[in-house]
């Protein structure tokens, strides 16, 4: 069980690392994944997100602590526990983020992570399946990750959201990831030929064709193995068996924004007082491990519609059967398109720069399940959802016990700053502006309670605190920065004061990006892999 690299987590980041680090055909890589196979129908089907959302076979079903900023409500936070990680259970929206997000990363101490640098990595990561000027589909780019433009397969009702944007004078770009793009457009999705294109599909499967890559599933890492302050390997469980593996070069932690800080703390790397309270010997006192947690919150309102929506097609058994048959035979139809269909970045006020809100417009009304199957309304309906882009509140992740089988404690500390509370009100106002457009007014049969139209500012804040929900974008719990006083990692993702260990996943973000976090997580992993190879070559010299 000796390897050059050990990667903990076969998720969005870990799959990319496995592929890139083993590409020479000589480097031995061990990938440890706590979950099992992703060969499941509802993982592969783009509209299957609702069926994996609460499935304990493929998710860590985490619950946060009661959140004071959200009326002491706990929140359900599913994280991927399956090959592909959260890229196998997410809604597949592919959003790079705004250029300022990454310039801010560099200002926070993540040297070399500015927009111009990461843009080149994005370009290397992606290939786009899209319509060209001749009206035919073409593949642009050579990256392994397929990003598809699916507007012509989306429900016709989605075009109404574009019309509403035009009512407001907003831009409607063809690609929301294009430089300088803002306004509403059709979301691009990680879908390839009618199937989800997860990080496992794009990167891990090619890596597994090499005999130097070994994958162990249902392998839960208990702790990192140390020699002084150098990480030499890992100790993990498979069923009742306890196993050890050794890394000659590095161990790379890619377990996500919840599990990565948990594993560091269990291994004696973290705030000394926390570790001591659980009887864990302190290897490296790093106060910021688990601190700095950021996430996106969105406020969503439901509307009964005057025109048919996806509810009319999928709200009954017959429609579901017909859609299933169409998908199986053609890879087309409503099951072939993710639920997020239209959205983008906009400004809550004209002078704000860059855009401060992200919008989601879905041609269906439903409530995501916490247990069981998704609850789709029977009658025509749609939802409007607004997410403040750059929250300033920060929470934490802490172990609850020295027992690795016990879930960590998660406290988001939502709306703990005045800026975030002001932006919560602005999000409700923006949603109201969309709902008041001539297009949406014409399409609205009923505004489902609570009705945002007549709310005062105080009522809007109350509405957000009582009803806003996570968009499942936890980040920053092992963030990059300048020193151990303000961060966990240096700008090359190495853990301060510890040798042979990096953290490569969304926990490394200095700040949460403005939009969905899957794309920047994969970008970070590809860039990190190149850094690791560069550092290994320099070390060999």
Protein backbone atom coordinates (compact mmCIF):
# COMPACT_ATOMS: atom_id res chain seq x y z
CA UNK A 1 0.00 0.00 0.00
CA UNK A 2 2.76 2.45 -0.98
CA UNK A 3 1.87 5.24 -3.39
CA UNK A 4 3.28 8.51 -4.62
CA UNK A 5 0.06 10.41 -3.88
CA UNK A 6 -2.99 9.61 -1.80
CA UNK A 7 -6.14 11.59 -2.62
CA UNK A 8 -8.88 11.61 0.00
CA UNK A 9 -12.21 12.07 -1.75
CA UNK A 10 -13.24 11.14 -5.31
CA UNK A 11 -15.37 14.25 -5.69
CA UNK A 12 -15.30 17.31 -7.93
CA UNK A 13 -11.65 18.03 -7.10
CA UNK A 14 -10.28 14.57 -6.30
CA UNK A 15 -11.21 13.05 -9.66
CA UNK A 16 -9.35 15.80 -11.52
CA UNK A 17 -6.28 15.34 -9.33
CA UNK A 18 -6.28 11.59 -9.95
CA UNK A 19 -6.36 12.12 -13.69
CA UNK A 20 -3.77 14.87 -13.91
CA UNK A 21 -1.26 13.43 -11.44
CA UNK A 22 -1.27 10.00 -13.08
CA UNK A 23 -1.12 11.15 -16.69
CA UNK A 24 2.55 10.18 -17.11
CA UNK A 25 1.57 6.54 -16.62
CA UNK A 26 4.23 6.08 -13.95
CA UNK A 27 3.01 7.96 -10.88
CA UNK A 28 1.15 5.72 -8.42
CA UNK A 29 -2.04 7.29 -7.06
CA UNK A 30 -4.46 5.95 -4.46
CA UNK A 31 -7.96 7.50 -4.40
CA UNK A 32 -10.07 6.90 -1.30
CA UNK A 33 -13.83 7.54 -1.53
CA UNK A 34 -16.16 7.18 1.44
CA UNK A 35 -19.13 6.39 -0.82
CA UNK A 36 -19.80 3.83 -3.49
CA UNK A 37 -20.56 3.62 -7.19
CA UNK A 38 -22.25 6.42 -9.13
CA UNK A 39 -23.83 3.98 -11.58
CA UNK A 40 -27.36 4.91 -10.57
CA UNK A 41 -30.18 5.94 -12.88
CA UNK A 42 -31.13 9.11 -10.99
CA UNK A 43 -27.50 10.26 -10.84
CA UNK A 44 -27.07 9.95 -14.60
CA UNK A 45 -30.43 11.53 -15.54
CA UNK A 46 -30.12 15.36 -15.54
CA UNK A 47 -33.53 15.90 -13.90
CA UNK A 48 -32.81 13.23 -11.29
CA UNK A 49 -31.38 15.70 -8.79
CA UNK A 50 -34.48 15.56 -6.59
CA UNK A 51 -34.17 11.78 -6.19
CA UNK A 52 -30.57 11.88 -4.89
CA UNK A 53 -31.06 14.96 -2.70
CA UNK A 54 -31.87 12.96 0.43
CA UNK A 55 -30.61 9.48 -0.48
CA UNK A 56 -28.33 8.28 2.34
CA UNK A 57 -26.62 5.91 -0.11
CA UNK A 58 -25.07 8.83 -1.99
CA UNK A 59 -25.07 11.79 0.41
CA UNK A 60 -23.74 12.86 3.76
CA UNK A 61 -27.05 14.00 5.25
CA UNK A 62 -25.67 16.78 7.38
CA UNK A 63 -27.79 19.10 9.51
CA UNK A 64 -26.46 22.44 10.69
CA UNK A 65 -26.77 23.76 14.20
CA UNK A 66 -29.77 26.05 14.82
CA UNK A 67 -28.81 29.24 12.98
CA UNK A 68 -29.53 32.42 14.99
CA UNK A 69 -29.71 34.55 11.85
CA UNK A 70 -32.41 32.32 10.38
CA UNK A 71 -34.78 32.24 13.36
CA UNK A 72 -32.74 29.43 14.93
CA UNK A 73 -33.66 27.07 12.11
CA UNK A 74 -31.33 24.12 11.45
CA UNK A 75 -30.69 23.45 7.75
CA UNK A 76 -30.26 20.27 5.77
CA UNK A 77 -26.90 20.22 3.96
CA UNK A 78 -26.46 17.21 1.64
CA UNK A 79 -22.91 16.62 0.43
CA UNK A 80 -21.90 13.99 -2.10
CA UNK A 81 -20.84 10.62 -0.70
CA UNK A 82 -20.39 8.78 -3.99
CA UNK A 83 -17.97 8.70 -6.91
CA UNK A 84 -18.01 12.22 -8.31
CA UNK A 85 -18.91 13.69 -4.91
CA UNK A 86 -21.27 16.64 -5.08
CA UNK A 87 -20.79 16.85 -8.86
CA UNK A 88 -22.84 13.62 -8.96
CA UNK A 89 -25.78 15.00 -6.96
CA UNK A 90 -25.83 18.72 -7.79
CA UNK A 91 -28.16 20.58 -10.17
CA UNK A 92 -25.38 20.80 -12.82
CA UNK A 93 -25.42 24.59 -13.29
CA UNK A 94 -21.99 25.56 -14.62
CA UNK A 95 -21.05 29.05 -13.43
CA UNK A 96 -17.46 30.25 -13.43
CA UNK A 97 -18.07 33.23 -11.16
CA UNK A 98 -17.26 36.89 -11.70
CA UNK A 99 -13.72 38.17 -12.43
CA UNK A 100 -13.67 40.19 -9.20
CA UNK A 101 -14.18 37.01 -7.18
CA UNK A 102 -10.71 35.81 -8.11
CA UNK A 103 -8.99 39.18 -7.95
CA UNK A 104 -10.31 39.27 -4.38
CA UNK A 105 -8.78 35.85 -3.77
CA UNK A 106 -5.38 37.24 -4.65
CA UNK A 107 -5.92 40.27 -2.43
CA UNK A 108 -6.73 37.86 0.42
CA UNK A 109 -3.28 36.26 0.07
CA UNK A 110 -3.91 33.61 -2.59
CA UNK A 111 -1.08 34.78 -4.84
CA UNK A 112 -1.49 33.72 -8.46
CA UNK A 113 -5.25 33.10 -8.26
CA UNK A 114 -6.38 36.30 -10.00
CA UNK A 115 -8.93 36.30 -12.80
CA UNK A 116 -6.47 36.22 -15.69
CA UNK A 117 -4.71 33.20 -14.19
CA UNK A 118 -7.84 31.19 -13.44
CA UNK A 119 -9.47 32.10 -16.77
CA UNK A 120 -6.74 30.19 -18.60
CA UNK A 121 -7.37 27.18 -16.37
CA UNK A 122 -11.10 27.32 -17.07
CA UNK A 123 -10.38 27.34 -20.78
CA UNK A 124 -8.24 24.21 -20.41
CA UNK A 125 -10.89 22.49 -18.29
CA UNK A 126 -13.93 22.91 -20.55
CA UNK A 127 -15.37 21.88 -23.89
CA UNK A 128 -18.66 23.56 -24.86
CA UNK A 129 -21.46 21.87 -26.77
CA UNK A 130 -23.31 24.84 -28.25
CA UNK A 131 -25.00 26.31 -31.29
CA UNK A 132 -22.70 28.20 -33.64
CA UNK A 133 -23.56 30.99 -36.07
CA UNK A 134 -24.55 28.44 -38.72
CA UNK A 135 -27.26 27.09 -36.43
CA UNK A 136 -25.53 23.72 -36.02
CA UNK A 137 -24.17 22.26 -32.82
CA UNK A 138 -20.41 22.42 -32.43
CA UNK A 139 -17.89 21.54 -29.75
CA UNK A 140 -15.75 24.51 -28.73
CA UNK A 141 -12.68 23.80 -26.64
CA UNK A 142 -10.74 20.63 -25.90
CA UNK A 143 -11.19 20.18 -22.14
CA UNK A 144 -12.53 16.94 -20.69
CA UNK A 145 -15.46 18.58 -18.89
CA UNK A 146 -18.48 18.92 -21.19
CA UNK A 147 -20.56 22.07 -20.67
CA UNK A 148 -23.74 22.10 -22.76
CA UNK A 149 -26.06 24.84 -24.01
CA UNK A 150 -29.52 23.24 -23.72
CA UNK A 151 -31.93 26.11 -24.40
CA UNK A 152 -33.68 24.38 -27.31
CA UNK A 153 -34.47 21.40 -25.10
CA UNK A 154 -35.79 23.47 -22.20
CA UNK A 155 -39.47 23.89 -21.46
CA UNK A 156 -41.04 26.65 -23.62
CA UNK A 157 -42.09 28.49 -20.47
CA UNK A 158 -38.41 29.28 -19.76
CA UNK A 159 -38.42 31.74 -22.66
CA UNK A 160 -40.89 33.83 -20.65
CA UNK A 161 -38.19 34.56 -18.07
CA UNK A 162 -35.98 35.96 -20.82
CA UNK A 163 -38.89 38.18 -21.88
CA UNK A 164 -39.26 39.40 -18.28
CA UNK A 165 -35.57 40.34 -18.24
CA UNK A 166 -36.10 42.36 -21.39
CA UNK A 167 -39.05 44.10 -19.69
CA UNK A 168 -36.55 45.33 -17.09
CA UNK A 169 -33.98 46.39 -19.68
CA UNK A 170 -31.54 43.68 -18.61
CA UNK A 171 -29.09 42.07 -21.00
CA UNK A 172 -29.79 38.53 -22.17
CA UNK A 173 -26.37 37.10 -23.15
CA UNK A 174 -26.07 33.75 -24.87
CA UNK A 175 -23.46 32.60 -22.33
CA UNK A 176 -23.45 33.87 -18.74
CA UNK A 177 -19.79 32.77 -18.43
CA UNK A 178 -18.66 35.04 -21.25
CA UNK A 179 -16.36 37.93 -20.21
CA UNK A 180 -18.42 40.83 -18.86
CA UNK A 181 -21.72 38.99 -19.22
CA UNK A 182 -24.53 39.92 -16.87
CA UNK A 183 -28.29 39.77 -17.03
CA UNK A 184 -30.45 36.70 -17.60
CA UNK A 185 -29.65 33.80 -19.91
CA UNK A 186 -30.13 30.07 -20.18
CA UNK A 187 -27.94 28.20 -17.74
CA UNK A 188 -25.22 26.02 -19.18
CA UNK A 189 -24.97 22.62 -17.58
CA UNK A 190 -22.49 19.78 -17.08
CA UNK A 191 -24.46 17.45 -19.36
CA UNK A 192 -23.02 15.27 -22.14
CA UNK A 193 -25.23 13.51 -24.69
CA UNK A 194 -28.24 13.55 -22.38
CA UNK A 195 -26.37 12.32 -19.30
CA UNK A 196 -24.88 14.13 -16.31
CA UNK A 197 -21.18 14.78 -16.87
CA UNK A 198 -19.73 14.62 -13.36
CA UNK A 199 -16.10 14.92 -12.40
CA UNK A 200 -16.02 11.13 -12.18
CA UNK A 201 -17.31 10.83 -15.74
CA UNK A 202 -14.93 13.42 -17.18
CA UNK A 203 -11.76 12.65 -15.22
CA UNK A 204 -11.81 9.61 -12.93
CA UNK A 205 -12.81 7.06 -15.55
CA UNK A 206 -9.95 8.03 -17.89
CA UNK A 207 -7.59 7.88 -14.92
CA UNK A 208 -8.81 4.40 -13.99
CA UNK A 209 -7.66 3.10 -17.39
CA UNK A 210 -4.09 3.43 -16.10
CA UNK A 211 -2.77 0.61 -13.95
CA UNK A 212 -1.01 3.13 -11.70
CA UNK A 213 -4.31 4.43 -10.27
CA UNK A 214 -6.06 2.51 -7.53
CA UNK A 215 -9.56 3.40 -6.34
CA UNK A 216 -10.93 2.24 -3.01
CA UNK A 217 -14.65 2.88 -2.44
CA UNK A 218 -16.53 2.74 0.87
CA UNK A 219 -13.21 3.80 2.39
CA UNK A 220 -13.70 6.22 5.29
CA UNK A 221 -10.51 7.93 6.44
CA UNK A 222 -10.19 8.07 10.22
CA UNK A 223 -7.02 10.12 10.45
CA UNK A 224 -3.82 11.20 8.76
CA UNK A 225 -0.61 9.39 9.71
CA UNK A 226 2.22 11.66 10.80
CA UNK A 227 5.93 11.49 11.41
CA UNK A 228 6.50 14.62 13.45
CA UNK A 229 4.85 17.34 11.39
CA UNK A 230 5.10 15.44 8.12
CA UNK A 231 2.13 13.53 6.76
CA UNK A 232 3.24 10.09 5.60
CA UNK A 233 -0.05 8.35 4.95
CA UNK A 234 -3.60 7.68 6.05
CA UNK A 235 -5.54 5.29 8.23
CA UNK A 236 -8.94 4.30 6.83
CA UNK A 237 -11.81 1.89 7.35
CA UNK A 238 -13.51 -0.41 4.85
CA UNK A 239 -16.32 -2.13 6.66
CA UNK A 240 -14.79 -3.76 9.73
CA UNK A 241 -11.25 -3.60 8.36
CA UNK A 242 -8.78 -0.91 9.40
CA UNK A 243 -6.13 -0.23 6.74
CA UNK A 244 -3.09 1.99 6.32
CA UNK A 245 -1.58 3.43 3.15
CA UNK A 246 1.66 5.37 2.70
CA UNK A 247 2.37 8.33 0.42
CA UNK A 248 5.91 8.98 -0.76
CA UNK A 249 5.19 12.47 -2.05
CA UNK A 250 1.97 13.94 -0.63
CA UNK A 251 -1.45 13.31 0.83
CA UNK A 252 -4.09 15.54 -0.76
CA UNK A 253 -7.27 16.21 1.15
CA UNK A 254 -10.23 16.73 -1.21
CA UNK A 255 -13.09 15.76 1.08
CA UNK A 256 -15.03 19.03 0.83
CA UNK A 257 -15.75 22.05 2.98
CA UNK A 258 -17.22 19.96 5.82
CA UNK A 259 -15.13 16.79 5.86
CA UNK A 260 -11.72 18.31 5.12
CA UNK A 261 -11.58 20.49 8.26
CA UNK A 262 -13.10 17.61 10.23
CA UNK A 263 -10.29 15.27 9.19
CA UNK A 264 -7.59 17.84 9.90
CA UNK A 265 -8.99 18.36 13.39
CA UNK A 266 -9.25 14.61 14.04
CA UNK A 267 -5.58 14.34 13.05
CA UNK A 268 -4.41 17.01 15.51
CA UNK A 269 -4.26 19.92 13.06
CA UNK A 270 -6.51 22.77 14.11
CA UNK A 271 -7.39 25.05 17.03
CA UNK A 272 -5.45 23.75 20.03
CA UNK A 273 -8.25 24.43 22.52
CA UNK A 274 -10.77 22.48 20.45
CA UNK A 275 -8.43 19.52 19.98
CA UNK A 276 -7.50 19.43 23.66
CA UNK A 277 -11.16 19.51 24.68
CA UNK A 278 -11.60 16.22 22.83
CA UNK A 279 -8.34 14.66 24.06
CA UNK A 280 -6.62 14.89 20.68
CA UNK A 281 -2.84 15.55 20.80
CA UNK A 282 -2.00 18.85 19.09
CA UNK A 283 0.30 18.35 16.10
CA UNK A 284 -0.09 21.85 14.68
CA UNK A 285 -2.05 24.65 16.33
CA UNK A 286 -3.92 26.18 13.38
CA UNK A 287 -6.77 28.33 14.74
CA UNK A 288 -8.38 28.85 11.33
CA UNK A 289 -9.08 25.19 10.54
CA UNK A 290 -12.86 24.98 10.27
CA UNK A 291 -13.30 28.74 10.59
CA UNK A 292 -14.44 31.16 7.89
CA UNK A 293 -17.35 29.05 6.56
CA UNK A 294 -19.33 30.84 3.84
CA UNK A 295 -22.43 29.77 1.93
CA UNK A 296 -25.09 31.26 -0.34
CA UNK A 297 -28.66 31.77 0.81
CA UNK A 298 -31.56 32.20 -1.59
CA UNK A 299 -35.12 33.42 -1.12
CA UNK A 300 -37.65 31.60 -3.28
CA UNK A 301 -41.27 32.42 -4.08
CA UNK A 302 -43.81 30.21 -5.84
CA UNK A 303 -46.36 31.27 -8.44
CA UNK A 304 -49.34 29.49 -10.00
CA UNK A 305 -49.13 29.99 -13.77
CA UNK A 306 -51.59 30.82 -16.52
CA UNK A 307 -49.61 28.83 -19.09
CA UNK A 308 -48.42 25.20 -18.98
CA UNK A 309 -45.14 24.51 -17.19
CA UNK A 310 -43.20 21.37 -16.35
CA UNK A 311 -45.83 20.62 -13.71
CA UNK A 312 -48.33 19.87 -16.49
CA UNK A 313 -45.92 17.38 -18.04
CA UNK A 314 -44.49 15.73 -14.93
CA UNK A 315 -47.15 16.31 -12.27
CA UNK A 316 -49.04 13.11 -13.12
CA UNK A 317 -48.07 9.46 -13.46
CA UNK A 318 -48.89 9.26 -17.18
CA UNK A 319 -46.74 12.29 -18.01
CA UNK A 320 -43.88 10.89 -15.96
CA UNK A 321 -44.06 7.54 -17.77
CA UNK A 322 -44.14 9.23 -21.18
CA UNK A 323 -41.19 11.46 -20.27
CA UNK A 324 -39.29 8.40 -19.06
CA UNK A 325 -39.92 6.53 -22.30
CA UNK A 326 -38.89 9.56 -24.36
CA UNK A 327 -35.66 9.88 -22.39
CA UNK A 328 -34.77 6.19 -22.62
CA UNK A 329 -35.38 6.12 -26.38
CA UNK A 330 -33.92 9.49 -27.39
CA UNK A 331 -32.04 11.06 -24.43
CA UNK A 332 -34.34 14.04 -25.01
CA UNK A 333 -37.34 15.57 -23.28
CA UNK A 334 -37.85 17.02 -19.79
CA UNK A 335 -35.64 14.46 -18.04
CA UNK A 336 -32.65 15.46 -20.19
CA UNK A 337 -32.47 19.05 -18.86
CA UNK A 338 -31.56 20.12 -15.28
CA UNK A 339 -34.12 21.98 -13.19
CA UNK A 340 -32.22 25.30 -13.22
CA UNK A 341 -33.02 26.67 -16.67
CA UNK A 342 -32.74 30.49 -16.66
CA UNK A 343 -30.80 32.89 -14.46
CA UNK A 344 -27.75 35.08 -14.17
CA UNK A 345 -26.02 37.92 -12.38
CA UNK A 346 -27.73 41.29 -11.97
CA UNK A 347 -27.39 44.43 -9.87
CA UNK A 348 -29.89 45.22 -7.14
CA UNK A 349 -29.10 48.89 -7.81
CA UNK A 350 -27.60 50.43 -10.93
CA UNK A 351 -24.46 51.80 -9.30
CA UNK A 352 -23.39 48.53 -7.69
CA UNK A 353 -20.34 46.98 -9.33
CA UNK A 354 -19.92 44.09 -9.88
CA UNK A 355 -23.40 42.49 -9.92
CA UNK A 356 -24.46 41.55 -6.41
CA UNK A 357 -27.36 39.13 -7.02
CA UNK A 358 -27.79 35.78 -8.78
CA UNK A 359 -31.21 34.80 -10.08
CA UNK A 360 -32.76 31.37 -10.69
CA UNK A 361 -35.99 31.02 -12.69
CA UNK A 362 -37.43 27.53 -12.99
CA UNK A 363 -40.46 26.50 -15.11
CA UNK A 364 -41.88 24.32 -12.33
CA UNK A 365 -43.09 24.74 -8.77
CA UNK A 366 -41.93 22.19 -6.22
CA UNK A 367 -40.49 21.71 -2.77
CA UNK A 368 -37.19 19.83 -2.47
CA UNK A 369 -37.54 16.73 -0.28
CA UNK A 370 -35.58 16.15 2.88
CA UNK A 371 -36.82 12.58 2.96
CA UNK A 372 -38.41 10.72 0.07
CA UNK A 373 -39.09 11.89 -3.47
CA UNK A 374 -39.46 15.46 -4.77
CA UNK A 375 -42.85 17.09 -4.31
CA UNK A 376 -43.90 18.58 -7.65
CA UNK A 377 -47.10 20.64 -7.73
CA UNK A 378 -49.88 19.14 -9.84
CA UNK A 379 -50.98 22.42 -11.45
CA UNK A 380 -48.97 24.81 -13.65
CA UNK A 381 -46.49 26.84 -11.62
CA UNK A 382 -43.04 28.39 -11.54
CA UNK A 383 -40.55 29.74 -9.06
CA UNK A 384 -38.39 32.85 -8.83
CA UNK A 385 -35.34 32.76 -6.60
CA UNK A 386 -32.73 35.40 -5.73
CA UNK A 387 -29.37 34.83 -4.03
CA UNK A 388 -27.08 37.56 -2.69
CA UNK A 389 -23.71 36.84 -4.30
CA UNK A 390 -21.04 37.85 -1.79
CA UNK A 391 -22.09 37.25 1.83
CA UNK A 392 -19.77 38.62 4.50
CA UNK A 393 -20.97 36.43 7.38
CA UNK A 394 -18.70 33.57 8.37
CA UNK A 395 -19.43 30.44 10.36
CA UNK A 396 -17.51 27.37 11.40
CA UNK A 397 -17.15 23.57 11.30
CA UNK A 398 -15.93 21.76 14.43
CA UNK A 399 -15.59 18.14 15.43
CA UNK A 400 -18.13 17.08 18.03
CA UNK A 401 -16.00 14.20 19.24
CA UNK A 402 -12.70 12.41 18.71
CA UNK A 403 -14.77 9.63 17.14
CA UNK A 404 -14.43 9.96 13.33
CA UNK A 405 -17.83 8.32 12.86
CA UNK A 406 -19.60 11.21 14.57
CA UNK A 407 -20.76 14.05 12.31
CA UNK A 408 -19.10 17.45 12.85
CA UNK A 409 -20.97 20.49 14.10
CA UNK A 410 -21.82 23.09 11.44
CA UNK A 411 -22.76 26.68 12.32
CA UNK A 412 -23.30 28.95 9.27
CA UNK A 413 -23.83 32.16 11.32
CA UNK A 414 -26.07 33.44 8.51
CA UNK A 415 -26.94 37.16 8.29
CA UNK A 416 -24.61 37.99 11.15
CA UNK A 417 -23.45 41.22 9.48
CA UNK A 418 -25.50 44.30 8.67
CA UNK A 419 -24.38 44.14 5.05
CA UNK A 420 -25.86 40.66 4.68
CA UNK A 421 -29.13 41.74 6.29
CA UNK A 422 -29.33 44.71 3.92
CA UNK A 423 -28.69 42.43 0.95
CA UNK A 424 -31.42 40.06 2.15
CA UNK A 425 -33.89 42.94 1.86
CA UNK A 426 -32.44 43.88 -1.54
CA UNK A 427 -32.91 40.30 -2.75
CA UNK A 428 -36.60 40.38 -1.84
CA UNK A 429 -37.01 43.73 -3.57
CA UNK A 430 -35.36 42.41 -6.70
CA UNK A 431 -37.61 39.37 -6.73
CA UNK A 432 -40.58 41.71 -6.43
CA UNK A 433 -39.35 43.73 -9.40
CA UNK A 434 -39.22 40.61 -11.55
CA UNK A 435 -42.67 39.54 -10.38
CA UNK A 436 -44.07 42.98 -11.31
CA UNK A 437 -42.88 42.88 -14.93
CA UNK A 438 -45.64 42.81 -17.56
CA UNK A 439 -44.56 39.34 -18.67
CA UNK A 440 -44.59 37.72 -15.23
CA UNK A 441 -47.79 39.57 -14.27
CA UNK A 442 -49.52 38.12 -17.33
CA UNK A 443 -48.25 34.63 -16.51
CA UNK A 444 -49.26 34.76 -12.83
CA UNK A 445 -52.55 33.24 -11.83
CA UNK A 446 -51.79 33.39 -8.11
CA UNK A 447 -48.84 34.56 -6.04
CA UNK A 448 -48.47 31.85 -3.43
CA UNK A 449 -48.22 33.00 0.17
CA UNK A 450 -46.35 34.81 1.49
CA UNK A 451 -46.85 37.53 -1.10
CA UNK A 452 -43.73 39.67 -1.46
CA UNK A 453 -45.63 42.51 -3.16
CA UNK A 454 -46.89 44.40 -0.13
CA UNK A 455 -43.99 43.79 2.24
CA UNK A 456 -42.13 46.59 4.01
CA UNK A 457 -38.35 46.39 4.46
CA UNK A 458 -38.78 44.91 7.95
CA UNK A 459 -41.23 42.34 6.60
CA UNK A 460 -38.83 41.44 3.81
CA UNK A 461 -36.04 40.81 6.30
CA UNK A 462 -38.42 38.70 8.37
CA UNK A 463 -39.40 36.82 5.21
CA UNK A 464 -35.76 36.10 4.37
CA UNK A 465 -34.88 35.04 7.91
CA UNK A 466 -37.90 32.75 8.11
CA UNK A 467 -37.76 31.18 4.66
CA UNK A 468 -34.36 31.58 2.95
CA UNK A 469 -32.49 28.34 2.38
CA UNK A 470 -28.96 27.27 1.53
CA UNK A 471 -27.99 26.91 -2.11
CA UNK A 472 -25.55 24.19 -1.02
CA UNK A 473 -22.33 26.15 -1.60
CA UNK A 474 -20.27 25.70 1.62
CA UNK A 475 -16.71 26.97 1.21
CA UNK A 476 -13.68 28.60 2.91
CA UNK A 477 -13.19 26.34 5.96
CA UNK A 478 -9.51 25.67 5.05
CA UNK A 479 -8.96 28.86 3.13
CA UNK A 480 -5.82 30.09 1.39
CA UNK A 481 -4.14 33.19 2.76
CA UNK A 482 -0.92 34.78 3.91
CA UNK A 483 -0.14 33.28 7.31
CA UNK A 484 -1.36 30.77 9.86
CA UNK A 485 -2.98 33.63 11.74
CA UNK A 486 -5.50 34.33 8.98
CA UNK A 487 -5.66 31.11 6.94
CA UNK A 488 -4.99 27.38 6.78
CA UNK A 489 -3.19 27.11 3.43
CA UNK A 490 -0.60 29.03 1.51
CA UNK A 491 -1.26 30.05 -2.09
CA UNK A 492 -0.07 26.65 -3.32
CA UNK A 493 -2.62 24.91 -1.09
CA UNK A 494 -0.05 23.57 1.38
CA UNK A 495 -1.11 23.40 5.02
CA UNK A 496 0.81 25.91 7.13
CA UNK A 497 3.45 24.22 9.29
CA UNK A 498 2.76 20.70 7.97
CA UNK A 499 4.78 18.92 5.30
CA UNK A 500 3.43 16.54 2.68
CA UNK A 501 -0.17 17.74 2.94
CA UNK A 502 -2.41 19.91 0.78
CA UNK A 503 -6.12 20.67 0.78
CA UNK A 504 -7.67 20.92 -2.67
CA UNK A 505 -11.43 21.49 -2.66
CA UNK A 506 -13.96 24.28 -2.02
CA UNK A 507 -12.73 24.64 1.56
CA UNK A 508 -9.61 26.33 0.10
CA UNK A 509 -11.56 29.32 -1.30
CA UNK A 510 -10.53 32.53 0.48
CA UNK A 511 -14.04 33.88 -0.20
CA UNK A 512 -17.11 32.27 -1.69
CA UNK A 513 -17.45 33.06 -5.40
CA UNK A 514 -20.50 34.97 -6.64
CA UNK A 515 -22.32 31.96 -8.08
CA UNK A 516 -22.50 28.17 -8.05
CA UNK A 517 -19.31 26.69 -6.66
CA UNK A 518 -18.84 23.46 -8.65
CA UNK A 519 -17.08 25.11 -11.61
CA UNK A 520 -14.55 27.04 -9.49
CA UNK A 521 -13.87 23.92 -7.42
CA UNK A 522 -12.94 21.97 -10.54
CA UNK A 523 -10.88 24.89 -11.84
CA UNK A 524 -9.03 25.01 -8.52
CA UNK A 525 -8.26 21.30 -8.71
CA UNK A 526 -6.83 21.45 -12.22
CA UNK A 527 -4.66 24.42 -11.30
CA UNK A 528 -3.60 22.71 -8.07
CA UNK A 529 -2.54 19.57 -9.94
CA UNK A 530 -0.15 21.59 -12.07
CA UNK A 531 1.27 23.23 -8.93
CA UNK A 532 1.79 19.84 -7.29
CA UNK A 533 3.64 18.50 -10.33
CA UNK A 534 5.77 21.65 -10.52
CA UNK A 535 6.69 21.40 -6.83
CA UNK A 536 7.48 17.69 -7.13
CA UNK A 537 9.84 18.33 -10.04
CA UNK A 538 11.55 21.15 -8.18
CA UNK A 539 11.93 18.92 -5.14
CA UNK A 540 13.50 16.19 -7.26
CA UNK A 541 16.04 18.68 -8.60
